[in-house]
Amino acid sequence: MTWGAWGKQFSTAEMEAMIQHCLSIGITTFDHADIYGGYTTEADFGKAFTASGVKREAIQLISKCGIKYISDNRNYKVKHYDYSKDYIIWSVEESLKHLQTDYVDLLLLHRPSPLMHPNEIAEAITILKKQGKIRDFGVSNFTTSQMDMVGLRMDIDVNQIEFSLTAHQAMHDGTLDYMFTNGIRPMAWSPLGSVFREDTEQTRRIHKQLGVLMDKYNATEDQLLLAWLLKHPSSITPVVGTTNKIRLQQAMEATKINLELEDWFLILVAAQGHKVP
């Protein structure tokens, strides 16, 4: 999302260099959505990926569909959602054309719609899988009841949700429990939360506690935040949004940090501002 018009506005050469850097440090999955950059970022990435000469099987591409977003080339009256069979199929075919590939490894429904019908969604996903245009299917920002409804007709492989130390409701409202029980892999967008974006009583407590642990783990604050998230037994995959090459490398190194049990709870208590019940 941050590579194109909604972020760094990388040129084709800069985007190609970023792809190569990611691969060099072991990052092989790229998280897209049709709406990113006002429906432009997938096409920008597709040009850079083709120019890179990287083999398609060396990477995994994720895309999302369903949001009809007001932009220069989409003259909608209001931002809204469309999960009709025809629109899902059309959206995927547009993403494939823009990404210059024959398939995406994972397709997500971007946000739940009050008008979505599981049968219609299932028809579209079944067709796309049979045609080899998508490998796996998932959702994004879905509640447990919405996963139940859509999951009536097909398997859900992934739910991409907001989850971080400062937005950890999914750990308490049953969302992560549900996914763990049903074999649905959680992906976490904004995995660092508001720790570096806001100066609040909460973030000051968090910085203080992380500062105590940095020397112990020989780690940066953002690495400790990722390590905290990665320790959850549901096997959360963080969606890292930074375009800073050093921070990308540090994020990969965070996967090697195994927080001790009490340290994990010390960090949680710092975020909550009170002891656990």
Protein backbone atom coordinates (compact mmCIF):
# COMPACT_ATOMS: atom_id res chain seq x y z
CA MET A 1 0.00 0.00 0.00
CA THR A 2 2.85 2.40 0.82
CA TRP A 3 4.96 1.77 -2.30
CA GLY A 4 2.82 3.68 -4.78
CA ALA A 5 0.59 6.75 -4.95
CA TRP A 6 -0.59 6.38 -1.35
CA GLY A 7 2.97 6.36 -0.02
CA LYS A 8 6.48 6.69 -1.40
CA GLN A 9 5.43 6.98 -5.06
CA PHE A 10 8.29 4.73 -6.14
CA SER A 11 9.34 4.80 -9.78
CA THR A 12 9.44 1.49 -11.65
CA ALA A 13 13.19 1.25 -11.00
CA GLU A 14 12.77 2.02 -7.30
CA MET A 15 10.00 -0.53 -6.96
CA GLU A 16 12.09 -3.13 -8.75
CA ALA A 17 14.99 -2.44 -6.38
CA MET A 18 12.65 -2.83 -3.39
CA ILE A 19 11.40 -6.17 -4.70
CA GLN A 20 14.99 -7.36 -5.08
CA HIS A 21 15.91 -6.14 -1.58
CA CYS A 22 12.93 -7.93 -0.03
CA LEU A 23 13.90 -11.18 -1.72
CA SER A 24 17.53 -10.79 -0.63
CA ILE A 25 16.50 -10.75 3.05
CA GLY A 26 13.90 -13.51 2.78
CA ILE A 27 10.68 -11.53 2.30
CA THR A 28 8.79 -13.15 -0.56
CA THR A 29 5.13 -12.21 0.02
CA PHE A 30 3.67 -8.93 -1.25
CA ASP A 31 0.33 -7.74 0.10
CA HIS A 32 -1.81 -5.84 -2.41
CA ALA A 33 -5.39 -4.68 -2.82
CA ASP A 34 -7.08 -3.49 -5.98
CA ILE A 35 -7.85 -0.08 -4.43
CA TYR A 36 -4.30 0.80 -3.33
CA GLY A 37 -3.11 4.01 -4.90
CA GLY A 38 -6.60 4.62 -6.24
CA TYR A 39 -6.41 1.43 -8.34
CA THR A 40 -2.85 2.21 -9.55
CA THR A 41 -0.36 0.42 -7.27
CA GLU A 42 -0.93 -3.11 -8.56
CA ALA A 43 -0.15 -1.95 -12.10
CA ASP A 44 2.96 -0.09 -10.90
CA PHE A 45 4.13 -3.22 -9.10
CA GLY A 46 3.36 -5.40 -12.13
CA LYS A 47 5.64 -3.31 -14.32
CA ALA A 48 8.44 -3.47 -11.76
CA PHE A 49 8.01 -7.19 -11.18
CA THR A 50 8.15 -7.95 -14.90
CA ALA A 51 11.25 -5.75 -15.26
CA SER A 52 12.92 -7.53 -12.33
CA GLY A 53 13.09 -10.89 -14.10
CA VAL A 54 12.15 -12.63 -10.85
CA LYS A 55 10.41 -15.96 -11.42
CA ARG A 56 6.74 -15.97 -10.50
CA GLU A 57 7.10 -19.06 -8.33
CA ALA A 58 9.71 -17.26 -6.20
CA ILE A 59 7.10 -14.91 -4.70
CA GLN A 60 3.59 -14.95 -3.30
CA LEU A 61 1.07 -12.30 -4.29
CA ILE A 62 -1.94 -11.36 -2.19
CA SER A 63 -4.76 -9.17 -3.45
CA LYS A 64 -8.07 -7.98 -2.05
CA CYS A 65 -11.32 -7.00 -3.68
CA GLY A 66 -14.80 -5.81 -2.83
CA ILE A 67 -14.35 -2.13 -1.96
CA LYS A 68 -15.61 0.28 -4.59
CA TYR A 69 -13.43 3.28 -3.86
CA ILE A 70 -13.96 6.76 -5.23
CA SER A 71 -10.94 7.70 -7.33
CA ASP A 72 -9.96 9.43 -10.57
CA ASN A 73 -10.82 6.37 -12.64
CA ARG A 74 -13.81 5.10 -10.64
CA ASN A 75 -16.72 7.52 -10.73
CA TYR A 76 -18.76 6.11 -7.82
CA LYS A 77 -21.21 8.25 -5.84
CA VAL A 78 -20.10 6.79 -2.51
CA LYS A 79 -17.50 4.34 -1.23
CA HIS A 80 -19.27 1.02 -0.92
CA TYR A 81 -18.84 -2.77 -1.17
CA ASP A 82 -19.73 -5.21 -3.93
CA TYR A 83 -19.48 -8.97 -3.47
CA SER A 84 -21.59 -10.05 -6.41
CA LYS A 85 -20.19 -13.00 -8.34
CA ASP A 86 -19.54 -10.97 -11.46
CA TYR A 87 -17.75 -8.17 -9.62
CA ILE A 88 -15.47 -10.51 -7.67
CA ILE A 89 -14.45 -12.31 -10.86
CA TRP A 90 -13.99 -9.05 -12.77
CA SER A 91 -11.91 -7.55 -9.93
CA VAL A 92 -9.58 -10.55 -9.84
CA GLU A 93 -9.13 -10.49 -13.60
CA GLU A 94 -8.28 -6.77 -13.40
CA SER A 95 -5.74 -7.42 -10.64
CA LEU A 96 -4.12 -10.21 -12.65
CA LYS A 97 -3.83 -7.92 -15.65
CA HIS A 98 -2.30 -5.13 -13.54
CA LEU A 99 0.08 -7.44 -11.66
CA GLN A 100 1.05 -9.09 -14.96
CA THR A 101 0.53 -12.59 -13.61
CA ASP A 102 -1.76 -15.56 -14.24
CA TYR A 103 -2.78 -16.09 -10.62
CA VAL A 104 -2.67 -14.69 -7.11
CA ASP A 105 -1.64 -16.93 -4.26
CA LEU A 106 -4.28 -15.53 -1.93
CA LEU A 107 -7.44 -13.50 -2.56
CA LEU A 108 -9.09 -11.69 0.34
CA LEU A 109 -12.49 -10.05 0.61
CA HIS A 110 -11.30 -6.64 1.76
CA ARG A 111 -14.00 -5.68 4.26
CA PRO A 112 -17.33 -7.25 5.20
CA SER A 113 -20.47 -5.94 3.54
CA PRO A 114 -23.91 -6.04 5.18
CA LEU A 115 -25.26 -7.20 1.80
CA MET A 116 -22.81 -10.02 1.07
CA HIS A 117 -24.33 -13.42 0.31
CA PRO A 118 -22.23 -16.54 0.99
CA ASN A 119 -23.65 -18.46 -1.97
CA GLU A 120 -22.75 -15.71 -4.43
CA ILE A 121 -19.24 -15.41 -2.99
CA ALA A 122 -18.77 -19.19 -3.08
CA GLU A 123 -19.78 -19.33 -6.75
CA ALA A 124 -17.18 -16.72 -7.67
CA ILE A 125 -14.39 -18.30 -5.62
CA THR A 126 -15.17 -21.78 -6.99
CA ILE A 127 -14.94 -20.50 -10.57
CA LEU A 128 -11.70 -18.60 -9.90
CA LYS A 129 -10.08 -21.61 -8.25
CA LYS A 130 -11.13 -23.95 -11.06
CA GLN A 131 -9.65 -21.52 -13.57
CA GLY A 132 -6.42 -21.41 -11.58
CA LYS A 133 -6.66 -17.65 -11.07
CA ILE A 134 -6.47 -17.88 -7.27
CA ARG A 135 -4.80 -20.47 -5.07
CA ASP A 136 -6.22 -19.73 -1.61
CA PHE A 137 -9.14 -17.69 -0.30
CA GLY A 138 -9.57 -15.53 2.74
CA VAL A 139 -11.20 -12.49 4.25
CA SER A 140 -10.08 -9.30 5.92
CA ASN A 141 -11.50 -7.48 8.95
CA PHE A 142 -14.21 -10.14 9.41
CA THR A 143 -15.83 -10.99 12.75
CA THR A 144 -16.36 -14.57 13.92
CA SER A 145 -20.03 -14.53 12.84
CA GLN A 146 -19.10 -13.18 9.41
CA MET A 147 -16.46 -15.91 9.04
CA ASP A 148 -19.10 -18.46 10.04
CA MET A 149 -21.48 -17.18 7.38
CA VAL A 150 -18.99 -17.03 4.51
CA GLY A 151 -17.39 -20.28 5.69
CA LEU A 152 -20.67 -22.14 5.22
CA ARG A 153 -19.90 -22.67 1.54
CA MET A 154 -16.10 -22.75 1.37
CA ASP A 155 -12.93 -22.96 3.42
CA ILE A 156 -11.42 -19.72 4.68
CA ASP A 157 -7.63 -19.91 4.78
CA VAL A 158 -6.79 -16.44 6.17
CA ASN A 159 -8.35 -13.48 7.96
CA GLN A 160 -6.31 -10.29 7.84
CA ILE A 161 -7.22 -8.16 10.85
CA GLU A 162 -5.89 -5.21 12.77
CA PHE A 163 -3.78 -6.58 15.59
CA SER A 164 -0.97 -5.11 17.62
CA LEU A 165 0.01 -4.36 21.20
CA THR A 166 -2.17 -1.24 21.14
CA ALA A 167 -5.04 -2.88 19.25
CA HIS A 168 -5.27 -6.36 20.75
CA GLN A 169 -9.05 -6.72 21.03
CA ALA A 170 -8.98 -9.81 18.79
CA MET A 171 -7.11 -11.60 21.58
CA HIS A 172 -10.00 -11.03 24.00
CA ASP A 173 -13.17 -10.97 21.88
CA GLY A 174 -12.80 -14.52 20.56
CA THR A 175 -11.55 -13.65 17.07
CA LEU A 176 -8.11 -15.25 17.41
CA ASP A 177 -9.57 -18.16 19.38
CA TYR A 178 -12.02 -18.80 16.55
CA MET A 179 -9.32 -18.69 13.90
CA PHE A 180 -7.04 -20.98 15.89
CA THR A 181 -9.86 -23.49 16.40
CA ASN A 182 -10.90 -23.43 12.73
CA GLY A 183 -7.44 -23.48 11.14
CA ILE A 184 -7.69 -19.93 9.77
CA ARG A 185 -4.33 -18.14 9.62
CA PRO A 186 -4.36 -14.63 11.10
CA MET A 187 -2.54 -11.84 9.30
CA ALA A 188 -2.06 -8.59 11.22
CA TRP A 189 -2.11 -5.23 9.51
CA SER A 190 -0.56 -2.28 11.38
CA PRO A 191 1.37 -4.71 13.62
CA LEU A 192 3.25 -1.93 15.42
CA GLY A 193 0.00 -0.20 16.34
CA SER A 194 0.14 3.39 17.55
CA VAL A 195 3.38 3.03 19.54
CA PHE A 196 5.42 5.23 17.20
CA ARG A 197 2.54 7.33 15.85
CA GLU A 198 1.12 8.74 19.07
CA ASP A 199 2.45 10.26 22.28
CA THR A 200 0.00 9.15 24.95
CA GLU A 201 0.13 7.85 28.47
CA GLN A 202 -0.17 4.33 27.04
CA THR A 203 2.62 4.68 24.49
CA ARG A 204 4.90 6.25 27.10
CA ARG A 205 4.36 3.22 29.36
CA ILE A 206 5.12 0.92 26.45
CA HIS A 207 8.32 2.75 25.49
CA LYS A 208 9.48 2.59 29.11
CA GLN A 209 8.92 -1.17 29.33
CA LEU A 210 10.46 -1.89 25.94
CA GLY A 211 13.47 0.19 26.94
CA VAL A 212 14.04 -2.10 29.92
CA LEU A 213 14.02 -5.17 27.64
CA MET A 214 16.06 -3.89 24.69
CA ASP A 215 19.45 -4.80 26.16
CA LYS A 216 18.25 -8.18 27.39
CA TYR A 217 17.18 -9.24 23.89
CA ASN A 218 19.65 -7.07 21.96
CA ALA A 219 16.65 -5.79 20.02
CA THR A 220 15.02 -2.56 18.91
CA GLU A 221 11.59 -1.49 20.13
CA ASP A 222 9.90 -2.40 16.86
CA GLN A 223 11.52 -5.85 16.95
CA LEU A 224 10.17 -6.43 20.46
CA LEU A 225 6.70 -5.37 19.34
CA LEU A 226 6.81 -7.87 16.48
CA ALA A 227 8.23 -10.58 18.76
CA TRP A 228 5.34 -9.95 21.17
CA LEU A 229 2.85 -10.48 18.36
CA LEU A 230 4.66 -13.52 16.95
CA LYS A 231 4.56 -15.35 20.30
CA HIS A 232 0.78 -15.76 20.11
CA PRO A 233 -0.06 -19.45 19.49
CA SER A 234 -2.37 -18.68 16.56
CA SER A 235 0.73 -18.11 14.36
CA ILE A 236 0.02 -14.52 13.37
CA THR A 237 1.75 -13.23 10.23
CA PRO A 238 2.53 -9.49 10.50
CA VAL A 239 1.94 -7.34 7.43
CA VAL A 240 4.87 -4.95 7.65
CA GLY A 241 4.23 -1.64 5.94
CA THR A 242 7.61 0.08 6.16
CA THR A 243 9.62 0.90 3.04
CA ASN A 244 12.78 1.47 5.09
CA LYS A 245 15.28 -1.22 4.09
CA ILE A 246 16.96 -1.31 7.51
CA ARG A 247 13.65 -1.71 9.31
CA LEU A 248 12.64 -4.47 6.89
CA GLN A 249 15.84 -6.33 7.79
CA GLN A 250 15.16 -5.77 11.49
CA ALA A 251 11.63 -7.09 11.05
CA MET A 252 13.01 -10.34 9.63
CA GLU A 253 15.43 -10.63 12.54
CA ALA A 254 12.51 -10.23 14.97
CA THR A 255 11.33 -13.71 13.96
CA LYS A 256 14.31 -15.12 15.88
CA ILE A 257 13.35 -13.48 19.19
CA ASN A 258 11.52 -15.69 21.67
CA LEU A 259 10.21 -13.54 24.49
CA GLU A 260 10.20 -15.15 27.90
CA LEU A 261 6.71 -15.68 29.31
CA GLU A 262 6.92 -13.01 32.01
CA ASP A 263 8.41 -10.49 29.59
CA TRP A 264 5.48 -11.04 27.22
CA PHE A 265 3.08 -10.24 30.07
CA LEU A 266 5.16 -7.25 31.22
CA ILE A 267 4.70 -5.76 27.75
CA LEU A 268 0.96 -6.53 27.78
CA VAL A 269 0.52 -4.94 31.21
CA ALA A 270 2.36 -1.83 30.02
CA ALA A 271 -0.14 -1.54 27.16
CA GLN A 272 -3.18 -2.19 29.34
CA GLY A 273 -2.09 -0.01 32.25
CA HIS A 274 -3.21 -2.63 34.75
CA LYS A 275 -2.38 -6.17 35.76
CA VAL A 276 -4.15 -9.06 34.10
CA PRO A 277 -7.37 -10.17 35.85
